[in-house]
Amino acid sequence: MIQGGGLNLSGGTATGSGVTFYVTGNGTHAYGPVAITAAAQVNFTAPSSGALSGMLIFQARSIAASMPASSIDGNGSTQLNGTIYFPKTKLTFNGGGSRAGGPTVIVAGKVAFAGSTTLH
């Protein structure tokens, strides 16, 4: 669970298999969006079994639509495999290269695509 501050990947390498990122906030910890830049080498895969099977990024349903948008700026090696869930806020995919290597479901209040995003 990421409670407050959000998820910010702006460089380096981050990999994980069987992971779910739950992004939330409360009165003590302000909500922060997800921000993955093209400088980050990212490869995440959601769990394949259990209660969170297939869920890669889950924004708490209590987050208001007025909260900051999240963005994924990928490159040719960016791999996000699983459901990406932002039920009220905007999600932007930017840049070149692949964003999702496997079956992907996107649920968002608004979705914007720029560049050469490829989803499978």
PDB file of N, CA and C in Angstrom:
ATOM      1  N   MET A   1       0.845  -1.163   0.000  1.00  0.00           N
ATOM      2  CA  MET A   1       0.000   0.000   0.000  1.00  0.00           C
ATOM      3  C   MET A   1       0.896   1.234   0.000  1.00  0.00           C
ATOM      4  N   ILE A   2       0.557   2.194  -0.850  1.00  0.00           N
ATOM      5  CA  ILE A   2       1.243   3.476  -0.887  1.00  0.00           C
ATOM      6  C   ILE A   2       0.249   4.503  -0.364  1.00  0.00           C
ATOM      7  N   GLN A   3       0.405   4.891   0.875  1.00  0.00           N
ATOM      8  CA  GLN A   3      -0.529   5.820   1.502  1.00  0.00           C
ATOM      9  C   GLN A   3       0.131   7.183   1.619  1.00  0.00           C
ATOM     10  N   GLY A   4      -0.208   8.059   0.703  1.00  0.00           N
ATOM     11  CA  GLY A   4       0.382   9.385   0.676  1.00  0.00           C
ATOM     12  C   GLY A   4       1.662   9.395  -0.123  1.00  0.00           C
ATOM     13  N   GLY A   5       1.876  10.458  -0.869  1.00  0.00           N
ATOM     14  CA  GLY A   5       3.120  10.612  -1.606  1.00  0.00           C
ATOM     15  C   GLY A   5       3.132  10.046  -3.003  1.00  0.00           C
ATOM     16  N   GLY A   6       2.323   9.055  -3.288  1.00  0.00           N
ATOM     17  CA  GLY A   6       2.257   8.472  -4.617  1.00  0.00           C
ATOM     18  C   GLY A   6       3.436   7.579  -4.950  1.00  0.00           C
ATOM     19  N   LEU A   7       3.494   7.150  -6.181  1.00  0.00           N
ATOM     20  CA  LEU A   7       4.561   6.306  -6.702  1.00  0.00           C
ATOM     21  C   LEU A   7       5.278   7.103  -7.766  1.00  0.00           C
ATOM     22  N   ASN A   8       6.576   7.389  -7.549  1.00  0.00           N
ATOM     23  CA  ASN A   8       7.351   8.191  -8.484  1.00  0.00           C
ATOM     24  C   ASN A   8       8.592   7.412  -8.888  1.00  0.00           C
ATOM     25  N   LEU A   9       8.644   6.998 -10.148  1.00  0.00           N
ATOM     26  CA  LEU A   9       9.801   6.300 -10.694  1.00  0.00           C
ATOM     27  C   LEU A   9      10.359   7.164 -11.823  1.00  0.00           C
ATOM     28  N   SER A  10      11.517   7.781 -11.579  1.00  0.00           N
ATOM     29  CA  SER A  10      12.060   8.727 -12.564  1.00  0.00           C
ATOM     30  C   SER A  10      13.439   8.324 -13.064  1.00  0.00           C
ATOM     31  N   GLY A  11      13.851   7.110 -12.806  1.00  0.00           N
ATOM     32  CA  GLY A  11      15.138   6.627 -13.276  1.00  0.00           C
ATOM     33  C   GLY A  11      15.427   5.269 -12.684  1.00  0.00           C
ATOM     34  N   GLY A  12      16.510   4.669 -13.126  1.00  0.00           N
ATOM     35  CA  GLY A  12      16.892   3.370 -12.596  1.00  0.00           C
ATOM     36  C   GLY A  12      16.045   2.249 -13.157  1.00  0.00           C
ATOM     37  N   THR A  13      16.125   1.101 -12.501  1.00  0.00           N
ATOM     38  CA  THR A  13      15.405  -0.092 -12.920  1.00  0.00           C
ATOM     39  C   THR A  13      14.508  -0.568 -11.789  1.00  0.00           C
ATOM     40  N   ALA A  14      13.262  -0.871 -12.116  1.00  0.00           N
ATOM     41  CA  ALA A  14      12.307  -1.392 -11.132  1.00  0.00           C
ATOM     42  C   ALA A  14      11.582  -2.568 -11.759  1.00  0.00           C
ATOM     43  N   THR A  15      11.663  -3.725 -11.109  1.00  0.00           N
ATOM     44  CA  THR A  15      10.976  -4.912 -11.598  1.00  0.00           C
ATOM     45  C   THR A  15      10.240  -5.584 -10.455  1.00  0.00           C
ATOM     46  N   GLY A  16       9.184  -6.270 -10.789  1.00  0.00           N
ATOM     47  CA  GLY A  16       8.448  -7.019  -9.787  1.00  0.00           C
ATOM     48  C   GLY A  16       7.437  -7.928 -10.441  1.00  0.00           C
ATOM     49  N   SER A  17       7.328  -9.142  -9.935  1.00  0.00           N
ATOM     50  CA  SER A  17       6.367 -10.105 -10.428  1.00  0.00           C
ATOM     51  C   SER A  17       5.430 -10.466  -9.281  1.00  0.00           C
ATOM     52  N   GLY A  18       4.134 -10.497  -9.581  1.00  0.00           N
ATOM     53  CA  GLY A  18       3.150 -10.793  -8.540  1.00  0.00           C
ATOM     54  C   GLY A  18       2.911  -9.608  -7.626  1.00  0.00           C
ATOM     55  N   VAL A  19       3.000  -8.377  -8.182  1.00  0.00           N
ATOM     56  CA  VAL A  19       2.858  -7.173  -7.362  1.00  0.00           C
ATOM     57  C   VAL A  19       1.583  -6.405  -7.695  1.00  0.00           C
ATOM     58  N   THR A  20       1.029  -5.767  -6.660  1.00  0.00           N
ATOM     59  CA  THR A  20      -0.077  -4.835  -6.798  1.00  0.00           C
ATOM     60  C   THR A  20       0.289  -3.572  -6.038  1.00  0.00           C
ATOM     61  N   PHE A  21       0.147  -2.419  -6.684  1.00  0.00           N
ATOM     62  CA  PHE A  21       0.372  -1.133  -6.029  1.00  0.00           C
ATOM     63  C   PHE A  21      -0.996  -0.550  -5.691  1.00  0.00           C
ATOM     64  N   TYR A  22      -1.278  -0.370  -4.409  1.00  0.00           N
ATOM     65  CA  TYR A  22      -2.531   0.219  -3.942  1.00  0.00           C
ATOM     66  C   TYR A  22      -2.213   1.652  -3.542  1.00  0.00           C
ATOM     67  N   VAL A  23      -2.737   2.623  -4.291  1.00  0.00           N
ATOM     68  CA  VAL A  23      -2.412   4.033  -4.107  1.00  0.00           C
ATOM     69  C   VAL A  23      -3.586   4.722  -3.419  1.00  0.00           C
ATOM     70  N   THR A  24      -3.322   5.330  -2.251  1.00  0.00           N
ATOM     71  CA  THR A  24      -4.385   5.948  -1.474  1.00  0.00           C
ATOM     72  C   THR A  24      -3.842   7.137  -0.682  1.00  0.00           C
ATOM     73  N   GLY A  25      -4.661   7.706   0.136  1.00  0.00           N
ATOM     74  CA  GLY A  25      -4.292   8.807   1.021  1.00  0.00           C
ATOM     75  C   GLY A  25      -5.347   8.947   2.093  1.00  0.00           C
ATOM     76  N   ASN A  26      -5.047   9.754   3.098  1.00  0.00           N
ATOM     77  CA  ASN A  26      -6.028  10.032   4.142  1.00  0.00           C
ATOM     78  C   ASN A  26      -5.750  11.415   4.717  1.00  0.00           C
ATOM     79  N   GLY A  27      -6.379  11.772   5.819  1.00  0.00           N
ATOM     80  CA  GLY A  27      -6.211  13.088   6.417  1.00  0.00           C
ATOM     81  C   GLY A  27      -4.788  13.372   6.879  1.00  0.00           C
ATOM     82  N   THR A  28      -4.029  12.333   7.184  1.00  0.00           N
ATOM     83  CA  THR A  28      -2.657  12.489   7.648  1.00  0.00           C
ATOM     84  C   THR A  28      -1.646  12.396   6.511  1.00  0.00           C
ATOM     85  N   HIS A  29      -1.949  11.582   5.521  1.00  0.00           N
ATOM     86  CA  HIS A  29      -1.037  11.333   4.400  1.00  0.00           C
ATOM     87  C   HIS A  29      -1.750  11.722   3.099  1.00  0.00           C
ATOM     88  N   ALA A  30      -1.359  12.859   2.526  1.00  0.00           N
ATOM     89  CA  ALA A  30      -2.017  13.359   1.319  1.00  0.00           C
ATOM     90  C   ALA A  30      -1.798  12.418   0.138  1.00  0.00           C
ATOM     91  N   TYR A  31      -2.845  12.215  -0.642  1.00  0.00           N
ATOM     92  CA  TYR A  31      -2.762  11.392  -1.847  1.00  0.00           C
ATOM     93  C   TYR A  31      -1.732  11.970  -2.807  1.00  0.00           C
ATOM     94  N   GLY A  32      -0.961  11.108  -3.424  1.00  0.00           N
ATOM     95  CA  GLY A  32      -0.036  11.493  -4.483  1.00  0.00           C
ATOM     96  C   GLY A  32      -0.254  10.598  -5.685  1.00  0.00           C
ATOM     97  N   PRO A  33      -0.133  11.120  -6.902  1.00  0.00           N
ATOM     98  CA  PRO A  33      -0.381  10.335  -8.106  1.00  0.00           C
ATOM     99  C   PRO A  33       0.767   9.382  -8.423  1.00  0.00           C
ATOM    100  N   VAL A  34       0.550   8.549  -9.412  1.00  0.00           N
ATOM    101  CA  VAL A  34       1.594   7.685  -9.953  1.00  0.00           C
ATOM    102  C   VAL A  34       2.281   8.457 -11.072  1.00  0.00           C
ATOM    103  N   ALA A  35       3.616   8.486 -11.059  1.00  0.00           N
ATOM    104  CA  ALA A  35       4.395   9.159 -12.100  1.00  0.00           C
ATOM    105  C   ALA A  35       5.580   8.269 -12.460  1.00  0.00           C
ATOM    106  N   ILE A  36       5.516   7.683 -13.647  1.00  0.00           N
ATOM    107  CA  ILE A  36       6.601   6.846 -14.146  1.00  0.00           C
ATOM    108  C   ILE A  36       7.144   7.532 -15.390  1.00  0.00           C
ATOM    109  N   THR A  37       8.429   7.918 -15.362  1.00  0.00           N
ATOM    110  CA  THR A  37       9.013   8.632 -16.498  1.00  0.00           C
ATOM    111  C   THR A  37       9.705   7.667 -17.455  1.00  0.00           C
ATOM    112  N   ALA A  38      10.003   8.172 -18.652  1.00  0.00           N
ATOM    113  CA  ALA A  38      10.669   7.363 -19.669  1.00  0.00           C
ATOM    114  C   ALA A  38      12.088   6.992 -19.262  1.00  0.00           C
ATOM    115  N   ALA A  39      12.672   7.704 -18.296  1.00  0.00           N
ATOM    116  CA  ALA A  39      14.030   7.397 -17.845  1.00  0.00           C
ATOM    117  C   ALA A  39      14.075   6.132 -16.985  1.00  0.00           C
ATOM    118  N   ALA A  40      12.938   5.691 -16.493  1.00  0.00           N
ATOM    119  CA  ALA A  40      12.877   4.490 -15.645  1.00  0.00           C
ATOM    120  C   ALA A  40      12.706   3.243 -16.506  1.00  0.00           C
ATOM    121  N   GLN A  41      13.459   2.216 -16.199  1.00  0.00           N
ATOM    122  CA  GLN A  41      13.306   0.908 -16.843  1.00  0.00           C
ATOM    123  C   GLN A  41      12.363   0.101 -15.955  1.00  0.00           C
ATOM    124  N   VAL A  42      11.117  -0.091 -16.398  1.00  0.00           N
ATOM    125  CA  VAL A  42      10.073  -0.661 -15.550  1.00  0.00           C
ATOM    126  C   VAL A  42       9.530  -1.951 -16.159  1.00  0.00           C
ATOM    127  N   ASN A  43       9.388  -2.979 -15.304  1.00  0.00           N
ATOM    128  CA  ASN A  43       8.777  -4.235 -15.713  1.00  0.00           C
ATOM    129  C   ASN A  43       8.030  -4.799 -14.508  1.00  0.00           C
ATOM    130  N   PHE A  44       6.693  -4.623 -14.493  1.00  0.00           N
ATOM    131  CA  PHE A  44       5.864  -5.104 -13.393  1.00  0.00           C
ATOM    132  C   PHE A  44       4.785  -6.042 -13.926  1.00  0.00           C
ATOM    133  N   THR A  45       4.524  -7.101 -13.176  1.00  0.00           N
ATOM    134  CA  THR A  45       3.478  -8.056 -13.516  1.00  0.00           C
ATOM    135  C   THR A  45       2.590  -8.278 -12.304  1.00  0.00           C
ATOM    136  N   ALA A  46       1.280  -8.213 -12.514  1.00  0.00           N
ATOM    137  CA  ALA A  46       0.300  -8.415 -11.445  1.00  0.00           C
ATOM    138  C   ALA A  46       0.298  -9.868 -10.987  1.00  0.00           C
ATOM    139  N   PRO A  47      -0.257 -10.119  -9.798  1.00  0.00           N
ATOM    140  CA  PRO A  47      -0.384 -11.507  -9.321  1.00  0.00           C
ATOM    141  C   PRO A  47      -1.252 -12.331 -10.278  1.00  0.00           C
ATOM    142  N   SER A  48      -0.961 -13.611 -10.378  1.00  0.00           N
ATOM    143  CA  SER A  48      -1.746 -14.481 -11.255  1.00  0.00           C
ATOM    144  C   SER A  48      -2.765 -15.320 -10.488  1.00  0.00           C
ATOM    145  N   SER A  49      -2.808 -15.151  -9.161  1.00  0.00           N
ATOM    146  CA  SER A  49      -3.803 -15.866  -8.365  1.00  0.00           C
ATOM    147  C   SER A  49      -4.098 -15.060  -7.099  1.00  0.00           C
ATOM    148  N   GLY A  50      -5.133 -15.455  -6.396  1.00  0.00           N
ATOM    149  CA  GLY A  50      -5.494 -14.782  -5.155  1.00  0.00           C
ATOM    150  C   GLY A  50      -6.480 -13.643  -5.364  1.00  0.00           C
ATOM    151  N   ALA A  51      -6.780 -12.933  -4.278  1.00  0.00           N
ATOM    152  CA  ALA A  51      -7.791 -11.872  -4.289  1.00  0.00           C
ATOM    153  C   ALA A  51      -7.436 -10.724  -5.223  1.00  0.00           C
ATOM    154  N   LEU A  52      -6.152 -10.478  -5.455  1.00  0.00           N
ATOM    155  CA  LEU A  52      -5.721  -9.373  -6.325  1.00  0.00           C
ATOM    156  C   LEU A  52      -5.216  -9.866  -7.678  1.00  0.00           C
ATOM    157  N   SER A  53      -5.644 -11.044  -8.077  1.00  0.00           N
ATOM    158  CA  SER A  53      -5.228 -11.613  -9.354  1.00  0.00           C
ATOM    159  C   SER A  53      -5.490 -10.640 -10.498  1.00  0.00           C
ATOM    160  N   GLY A  54      -4.459 -10.349 -11.270  1.00  0.00           N
ATOM    161  CA  GLY A  54      -4.599  -9.480 -12.437  1.00  0.00           C
ATOM    162  C   GLY A  54      -4.546  -7.992 -12.144  1.00  0.00           C
ATOM    163  N   MET A  55      -4.518  -7.581 -10.873  1.00  0.00           N
ATOM    164  CA  MET A  55      -4.555  -6.160 -10.515  1.00  0.00           C
ATOM    165  C   MET A  55      -3.135  -5.632 -10.321  1.00  0.00           C
ATOM    166  N   LEU A  56      -2.701  -4.700 -11.172  1.00  0.00           N
ATOM    167  CA  LEU A  56      -1.348  -4.164 -11.083  1.00  0.00           C
ATOM    168  C   LEU A  56      -1.308  -2.850 -10.293  1.00  0.00           C
ATOM    169  N   ILE A  57      -2.108  -1.875 -10.701  1.00  0.00           N
ATOM    170  CA  ILE A  57      -2.172  -0.594  -9.983  1.00  0.00           C
ATOM    171  C   ILE A  57      -3.630  -0.326  -9.649  1.00  0.00           C
ATOM    172  N   PHE A  58      -3.906  -0.105  -8.367  1.00  0.00           N
ATOM    173  CA  PHE A  58      -5.277   0.112  -7.894  1.00  0.00           C
ATOM    174  C   PHE A  58      -5.318   1.411  -7.101  1.00  0.00           C
ATOM    175  N   GLN A  59      -6.012   2.401  -7.639  1.00  0.00           N
ATOM    176  CA  GLN A  59      -6.215   3.652  -6.920  1.00  0.00           C
ATOM    177  C   GLN A  59      -7.461   3.492  -6.047  1.00  0.00           C
ATOM    178  N   ALA A  60      -7.349   3.879  -4.779  1.00  0.00           N
ATOM    179  CA  ALA A  60      -8.488   3.761  -3.865  1.00  0.00           C
ATOM    180  C   ALA A  60      -9.708   4.467  -4.449  1.00  0.00           C
ATOM    181  N   ARG A  61     -10.862   3.849  -4.292  1.00  0.00           N
ATOM    182  CA  ARG A  61     -12.102   4.422  -4.827  1.00  0.00           C
ATOM    183  C   ARG A  61     -12.491   5.719  -4.123  1.00  0.00           C
ATOM    184  N   SER A  62     -11.920   5.965  -2.948  1.00  0.00           N
ATOM    185  CA  SER A  62     -12.233   7.178  -2.189  1.00  0.00           C
ATOM    186  C   SER A  62     -11.501   8.407  -2.705  1.00  0.00           C
ATOM    187  N   ILE A  63     -10.567   8.251  -3.634  1.00  0.00           N
ATOM    188  CA  ILE A  63      -9.804   9.385  -4.164  1.00  0.00           C
ATOM    189  C   ILE A  63     -10.714  10.195  -5.090  1.00  0.00           C
ATOM    190  N   ALA A  64     -10.784  11.505  -4.844  1.00  0.00           N
ATOM    191  CA  ALA A  64     -11.680  12.392  -5.604  1.00  0.00           C
ATOM    192  C   ALA A  64     -11.151  12.652  -7.017  1.00  0.00           C
ATOM    193  N   ALA A  65     -12.064  12.889  -7.942  1.00  0.00           N
ATOM    194  CA  ALA A  65     -11.709  13.181  -9.331  1.00  0.00           C
ATOM    195  C   ALA A  65     -10.853  14.441  -9.444  1.00  0.00           C
ATOM    196  N   SER A  66     -10.915  15.310  -8.463  1.00  0.00           N
ATOM    197  CA  SER A  66     -10.141  16.554  -8.491  1.00  0.00           C
ATOM    198  C   SER A  66      -8.677  16.371  -8.098  1.00  0.00           C
ATOM    199  N   MET A  67      -8.298  15.176  -7.688  1.00  0.00           N
ATOM    200  CA  MET A  67      -6.909  14.912  -7.297  1.00  0.00           C
ATOM    201  C   MET A  67      -6.009  14.915  -8.537  1.00  0.00           C
ATOM    202  N   PRO A  68      -4.690  15.087  -8.347  1.00  0.00           N
ATOM    203  CA  PRO A  68      -3.772  15.164  -9.487  1.00  0.00           C
ATOM    204  C   PRO A  68      -3.816  13.914 -10.372  1.00  0.00           C
ATOM    205  N   ALA A  69      -3.612  14.142 -11.672  1.00  0.00           N
ATOM    206  CA  ALA A  69      -3.578  13.055 -12.643  1.00  0.00           C
ATOM    207  C   ALA A  69      -2.314  12.229 -12.473  1.00  0.00           C
ATOM    208  N   SER A  70      -2.375  10.985 -12.921  1.00  0.00           N
ATOM    209  CA  SER A  70      -1.217  10.110 -12.939  1.00  0.00           C
ATOM    210  C   SER A  70      -0.702  10.018 -14.366  1.00  0.00           C
ATOM    211  N   SER A  71       0.605   9.701 -14.515  1.00  0.00           N
ATOM    212  CA  SER A  71       1.172   9.603 -15.856  1.00  0.00           C
ATOM    213  C   SER A  71       2.181   8.471 -15.940  1.00  0.00           C
ATOM    214  N   ILE A  72       2.184   7.840 -17.099  1.00  0.00           N
ATOM    215  CA  ILE A  72       3.152   6.794 -17.403  1.00  0.00           C
ATOM    216  C   ILE A  72       3.809   7.195 -18.717  1.00  0.00           C
ATOM    217  N   ASP A  73       5.086   7.563 -18.635  1.00  0.00           N
ATOM    218  CA  ASP A  73       5.869   7.971 -19.796  1.00  0.00           C
ATOM    219  C   ASP A  73       6.847   6.853 -20.073  1.00  0.00           C
ATOM    220  N   GLY A  74       6.503   5.992 -20.971  1.00  0.00           N
ATOM    221  CA  GLY A  74       7.312   4.801 -21.173  1.00  0.00           C
ATOM    222  C   GLY A  74       8.393   4.951 -22.217  1.00  0.00           C
ATOM    223  N   ASN A  75       9.123   3.874 -22.368  1.00  0.00           N
ATOM    224  CA  ASN A  75      10.131   3.753 -23.405  1.00  0.00           C
ATOM    225  C   ASN A  75       9.986   2.354 -23.990  1.00  0.00           C
ATOM    226  N   GLY A  76      10.858   1.973 -24.872  1.00  0.00           N
ATOM    227  CA  GLY A  76      10.742   0.684 -25.550  1.00  0.00           C
ATOM    228  C   GLY A  76      10.760  -0.523 -24.644  1.00  0.00           C
ATOM    229  N   SER A  77      11.235  -0.372 -23.407  1.00  0.00           N
ATOM    230  CA  SER A  77      11.315  -1.529 -22.516  1.00  0.00           C
ATOM    231  C   SER A  77      10.291  -1.502 -21.390  1.00  0.00           C
ATOM    232  N   THR A  78       9.415  -0.523 -21.362  1.00  0.00           N
ATOM    233  CA  THR A  78       8.404  -0.441 -20.312  1.00  0.00           C
ATOM    234  C   THR A  78       7.394  -1.577 -20.465  1.00  0.00           C
ATOM    235  N   GLN A  79       7.206  -2.356 -19.398  1.00  0.00           N
ATOM    236  CA  GLN A  79       6.246  -3.453 -19.416  1.00  0.00           C
ATOM    237  C   GLN A  79       5.363  -3.359 -18.168  1.00  0.00           C
ATOM    238  N   LEU A  80       4.077  -3.185 -18.371  1.00  0.00           N
ATOM    239  CA  LEU A  80       3.093  -3.163 -17.286  1.00  0.00           C
ATOM    240  C   LEU A  80       2.045  -4.204 -17.628  1.00  0.00           C
ATOM    241  N   ASN A  81       2.036  -5.295 -16.898  1.00  0.00           N
ATOM    242  CA  ASN A  81       1.169  -6.426 -17.207  1.00  0.00           C
ATOM    243  C   ASN A  81       0.125  -6.607 -16.111  1.00  0.00           C
ATOM    244  N   GLY A  82      -1.087  -6.181 -16.390  1.00  0.00           N
ATOM    245  CA  GLY A  82      -2.179  -6.304 -15.434  1.00  0.00           C
ATOM    246  C   GLY A  82      -3.124  -5.124 -15.543  1.00  0.00           C
ATOM    247  N   THR A  83      -4.149  -5.128 -14.720  1.00  0.00           N
ATOM    248  CA  THR A  83      -5.154  -4.071 -14.736  1.00  0.00           C
ATOM    249  C   THR A  83      -4.615  -2.821 -14.064  1.00  0.00           C
ATOM    250  N   ILE A  84      -4.863  -1.683 -14.706  1.00  0.00           N
ATOM    251  CA  ILE A  84      -4.484  -0.368 -14.197  1.00  0.00           C
ATOM    252  C   ILE A  84      -5.790   0.359 -13.919  1.00  0.00           C
ATOM    253  N   TYR A  85      -6.048   0.660 -12.638  1.00  0.00           N
ATOM    254  CA  TYR A  85      -7.368   1.119 -12.183  1.00  0.00           C
ATOM    255  C   TYR A  85      -7.269   2.487 -11.511  1.00  0.00           C
ATOM    256  N   PHE A  86      -7.773   3.507 -12.187  1.00  0.00           N
ATOM    257  CA  PHE A  86      -7.884   4.874 -11.665  1.00  0.00           C
ATOM    258  C   PHE A  86      -9.327   5.321 -11.907  1.00  0.00           C
ATOM    259  N   PRO A  87     -10.264   4.928 -11.045  1.00  0.00           N
ATOM    260  CA  PRO A  87     -11.679   5.087 -11.349  1.00  0.00           C
ATOM    261  C   PRO A  87     -12.178   6.525 -11.497  1.00  0.00           C
ATOM    262  N   LYS A  88     -11.473   7.503 -10.927  1.00  0.00           N
ATOM    263  CA  LYS A  88     -11.981   8.876 -10.981  1.00  0.00           C
ATOM    264  C   LYS A  88     -11.010   9.876 -11.587  1.00  0.00           C
ATOM    265  N   THR A  89      -9.706   9.673 -11.419  1.00  0.00           N
ATOM    266  CA  THR A  89      -8.743  10.660 -11.894  1.00  0.00           C
ATOM    267  C   THR A  89      -8.261  10.328 -13.304  1.00  0.00           C
ATOM    268  N   LYS A  90      -7.586  11.288 -13.910  1.00  0.00           N
ATOM    269  CA  LYS A  90      -7.059  11.136 -15.264  1.00  0.00           C
ATOM    270  C   LYS A  90      -5.759  10.334 -15.238  1.00  0.00           C
ATOM    271  N   LEU A  91      -5.557   9.524 -16.271  1.00  0.00           N
ATOM    272  CA  LEU A  91      -4.335   8.765 -16.469  1.00  0.00           C
ATOM    273  C   LEU A  91      -3.823   9.084 -17.863  1.00  0.00           C
ATOM    274  N   THR A  92      -2.548   9.487 -17.973  1.00  0.00           N
ATOM    275  CA  THR A  92      -1.948   9.834 -19.252  1.00  0.00           C
ATOM    276  C   THR A  92      -0.805   8.885 -19.570  1.00  0.00           C
ATOM    277  N   PHE A  93      -0.806   8.343 -20.786  1.00  0.00           N
ATOM    278  CA  PHE A  93       0.289   7.545 -21.312  1.00  0.00           C
ATOM    279  C   PHE A  93       1.015   8.408 -22.330  1.00  0.00           C
ATOM    280  N   ASN A  94       2.331   8.606 -22.164  1.00  0.00           N
ATOM    281  CA  ASN A  94       3.130   9.446 -23.061  1.00  0.00           C
ATOM    282  C   ASN A  94       4.334   8.694 -23.595  1.00  0.00           C
ATOM    283  N   GLY A  95       4.898   9.225 -24.676  1.00  0.00           N
ATOM    284  CA  GLY A  95       6.182   8.744 -25.154  1.00  0.00           C
ATOM    285  C   GLY A  95       6.089   7.595 -26.119  1.00  0.00           C
ATOM    286  N   GLY A  96       7.251   7.006 -26.388  1.00  0.00           N
ATOM    287  CA  GLY A  96       7.334   5.921 -27.346  1.00  0.00           C
ATOM    288  C   GLY A  96       7.486   4.587 -26.657  1.00  0.00           C
ATOM    289  N   GLY A  97       7.228   3.551 -27.388  1.00  0.00           N
ATOM    290  CA  GLY A  97       7.433   2.219 -26.852  1.00  0.00           C
ATOM    291  C   GLY A  97       6.202   1.620 -26.228  1.00  0.00           C
ATOM    292  N   SER A  98       6.385   0.439 -25.729  1.00  0.00           N
ATOM    293  CA  SER A  98       5.281  -0.347 -25.177  1.00  0.00           C
ATOM    294  C   SER A  98       4.988   0.042 -23.736  1.00  0.00           C
ATOM    295  N   ARG A  99       3.735   0.003 -23.348  1.00  0.00           N
ATOM    296  CA  ARG A  99       3.337   0.236 -21.966  1.00  0.00           C
ATOM    297  C   ARG A  99       2.826  -1.028 -21.315  1.00  0.00           C
ATOM    298  N   ALA A 100       2.392  -1.945 -22.114  1.00  0.00           N
ATOM    299  CA  ALA A 100       1.801  -3.156 -21.549  1.00  0.00           C
ATOM    300  C   ALA A 100       2.216  -4.347 -22.396  1.00  0.00           C
ATOM    301  N   GLY A 101       2.803  -5.323 -21.771  1.00  0.00           N
ATOM    302  CA  GLY A 101       3.289  -6.477 -22.512  1.00  0.00           C
ATOM    303  C   GLY A 101       2.309  -7.626 -22.565  1.00  0.00           C
ATOM    304  N   GLY A 102       1.346  -7.645 -21.691  1.00  0.00           N
ATOM    305  CA  GLY A 102       0.379  -8.728 -21.656  1.00  0.00           C
ATOM    306  C   GLY A 102      -1.015  -8.173 -21.745  1.00  0.00           C
ATOM    307  N   PRO A 103      -2.006  -9.004 -21.504  1.00  0.00           N
ATOM    308  CA  PRO A 103      -3.374  -8.510 -21.501  1.00  0.00           C
ATOM    309  C   PRO A 103      -3.523  -7.399 -20.462  1.00  0.00           C
ATOM    310  N   THR A 104      -4.047  -6.266 -20.886  1.00  0.00           N
ATOM    311  CA  THR A 104      -4.150  -5.111 -20.002  1.00  0.00           C
ATOM    312  C   THR A 104      -5.555  -4.537 -20.057  1.00  0.00           C
ATOM    313  N   VAL A 105      -6.064  -4.192 -18.883  1.00  0.00           N
ATOM    314  CA  VAL A 105      -7.340  -3.500 -18.770  1.00  0.00           C
ATOM    315  C   VAL A 105      -7.040  -2.159 -18.123  1.00  0.00           C
ATOM    316  N   ILE A 106      -7.574  -1.084 -18.697  1.00  0.00           N
ATOM    317  CA  ILE A 106      -7.402   0.243 -18.106  1.00  0.00           C
ATOM    318  C   ILE A 106      -8.777   0.758 -17.728  1.00  0.00           C
ATOM    319  N   VAL A 107      -8.924   1.134 -16.466  1.00  0.00           N
ATOM    320  CA  VAL A 107     -10.143   1.766 -15.979  1.00  0.00           C
ATOM    321  C   VAL A 107      -9.707   3.107 -15.418  1.00  0.00           C
ATOM    322  N   ALA A 108     -10.251   4.200 -15.953  1.00  0.00           N
ATOM    323  CA  ALA A 108      -9.861   5.524 -15.481  1.00  0.00           C
ATOM    324  C   ALA A 108     -10.993   6.509 -15.717  1.00  0.00           C
ATOM    325  N   GLY A 109     -11.017   7.552 -14.881  1.00  0.00           N
ATOM    326  CA  GLY A 109     -11.984   8.624 -15.074  1.00  0.00           C
ATOM    327  C   GLY A 109     -11.819   9.241 -16.458  1.00  0.00           C
ATOM    328  N   LYS A 110     -10.558   9.415 -16.889  1.00  0.00           N
ATOM    329  CA  LYS A 110     -10.188   9.871 -18.226  1.00  0.00           C
ATOM    330  C   LYS A 110      -8.859   9.228 -18.575  1.00  0.00           C
ATOM    331  N   VAL A 111      -8.683   8.884 -19.851  1.00  0.00           N
ATOM    332  CA  VAL A 111      -7.409   8.345 -20.323  1.00  0.00           C
ATOM    333  C   VAL A 111      -6.969   9.187 -21.512  1.00  0.00           C
ATOM    334  N   ALA A 112      -5.692   9.587 -21.517  1.00  0.00           N
ATOM    335  CA  ALA A 112      -5.119  10.330 -22.639  1.00  0.00           C
ATOM    336  C   ALA A 112      -3.897   9.573 -23.133  1.00  0.00           C
ATOM    337  N   PHE A 113      -3.767   9.433 -24.450  1.00  0.00           N
ATOM    338  CA  PHE A 113      -2.616   8.771 -25.051  1.00  0.00           C
ATOM    339  C   PHE A 113      -1.869   9.776 -25.914  1.00  0.00           C
ATOM    340  N   ALA A 114      -0.537   9.762 -25.826  1.00  0.00           N
ATOM    341  CA  ALA A 114       0.309  10.614 -26.662  1.00  0.00           C
ATOM    342  C   ALA A 114       1.505   9.793 -27.098  1.00  0.00           C
ATOM    343  N   GLY A 115       2.075  10.094 -28.233  1.00  0.00           N
ATOM    344  CA  GLY A 115       3.224   9.338 -28.696  1.00  0.00           C
ATOM    345  C   GLY A 115       2.799   8.031 -29.321  1.00  0.00           C
ATOM    346  N   SER A 116       3.672   7.037 -29.238  1.00  0.00           N
ATOM    347  CA  SER A 116       3.413   5.757 -29.891  1.00  0.00           C
ATOM    348  C   SER A 116       3.150   4.648 -28.876  1.00  0.00           C
ATOM    349  N   THR A 117       2.173   4.859 -28.031  1.00  0.00           N
ATOM    350  CA  THR A 117       1.793   3.870 -27.034  1.00  0.00           C
ATOM    351  C   THR A 117       1.285   2.606 -27.703  1.00  0.00           C
ATOM    352  N   THR A 118       1.723   1.454 -27.193  1.00  0.00           N
ATOM    353  CA  THR A 118       1.254   0.165 -27.689  1.00  0.00           C
ATOM    354  C   THR A 118       0.691  -0.622 -26.520  1.00  0.00           C
ATOM    355  N   LEU A 119      -0.568  -1.028 -26.623  1.00  0.00           N
ATOM    356  CA  LEU A 119      -1.203  -1.850 -25.601  1.00  0.00           C
ATOM    357  C   LEU A 119      -1.619  -3.165 -26.219  1.00  0.00           C
ATOM    358  N   HIS A 120      -1.505  -4.236 -25.442  1.00  0.00           N
ATOM    359  CA  HIS A 120      -1.936  -5.560 -25.907  1.00  0.00           C
ATOM    360  C   HIS A 120      -3.080  -6.035 -25.051  1.00  0.00           C
TER     361      HIS A 120
END
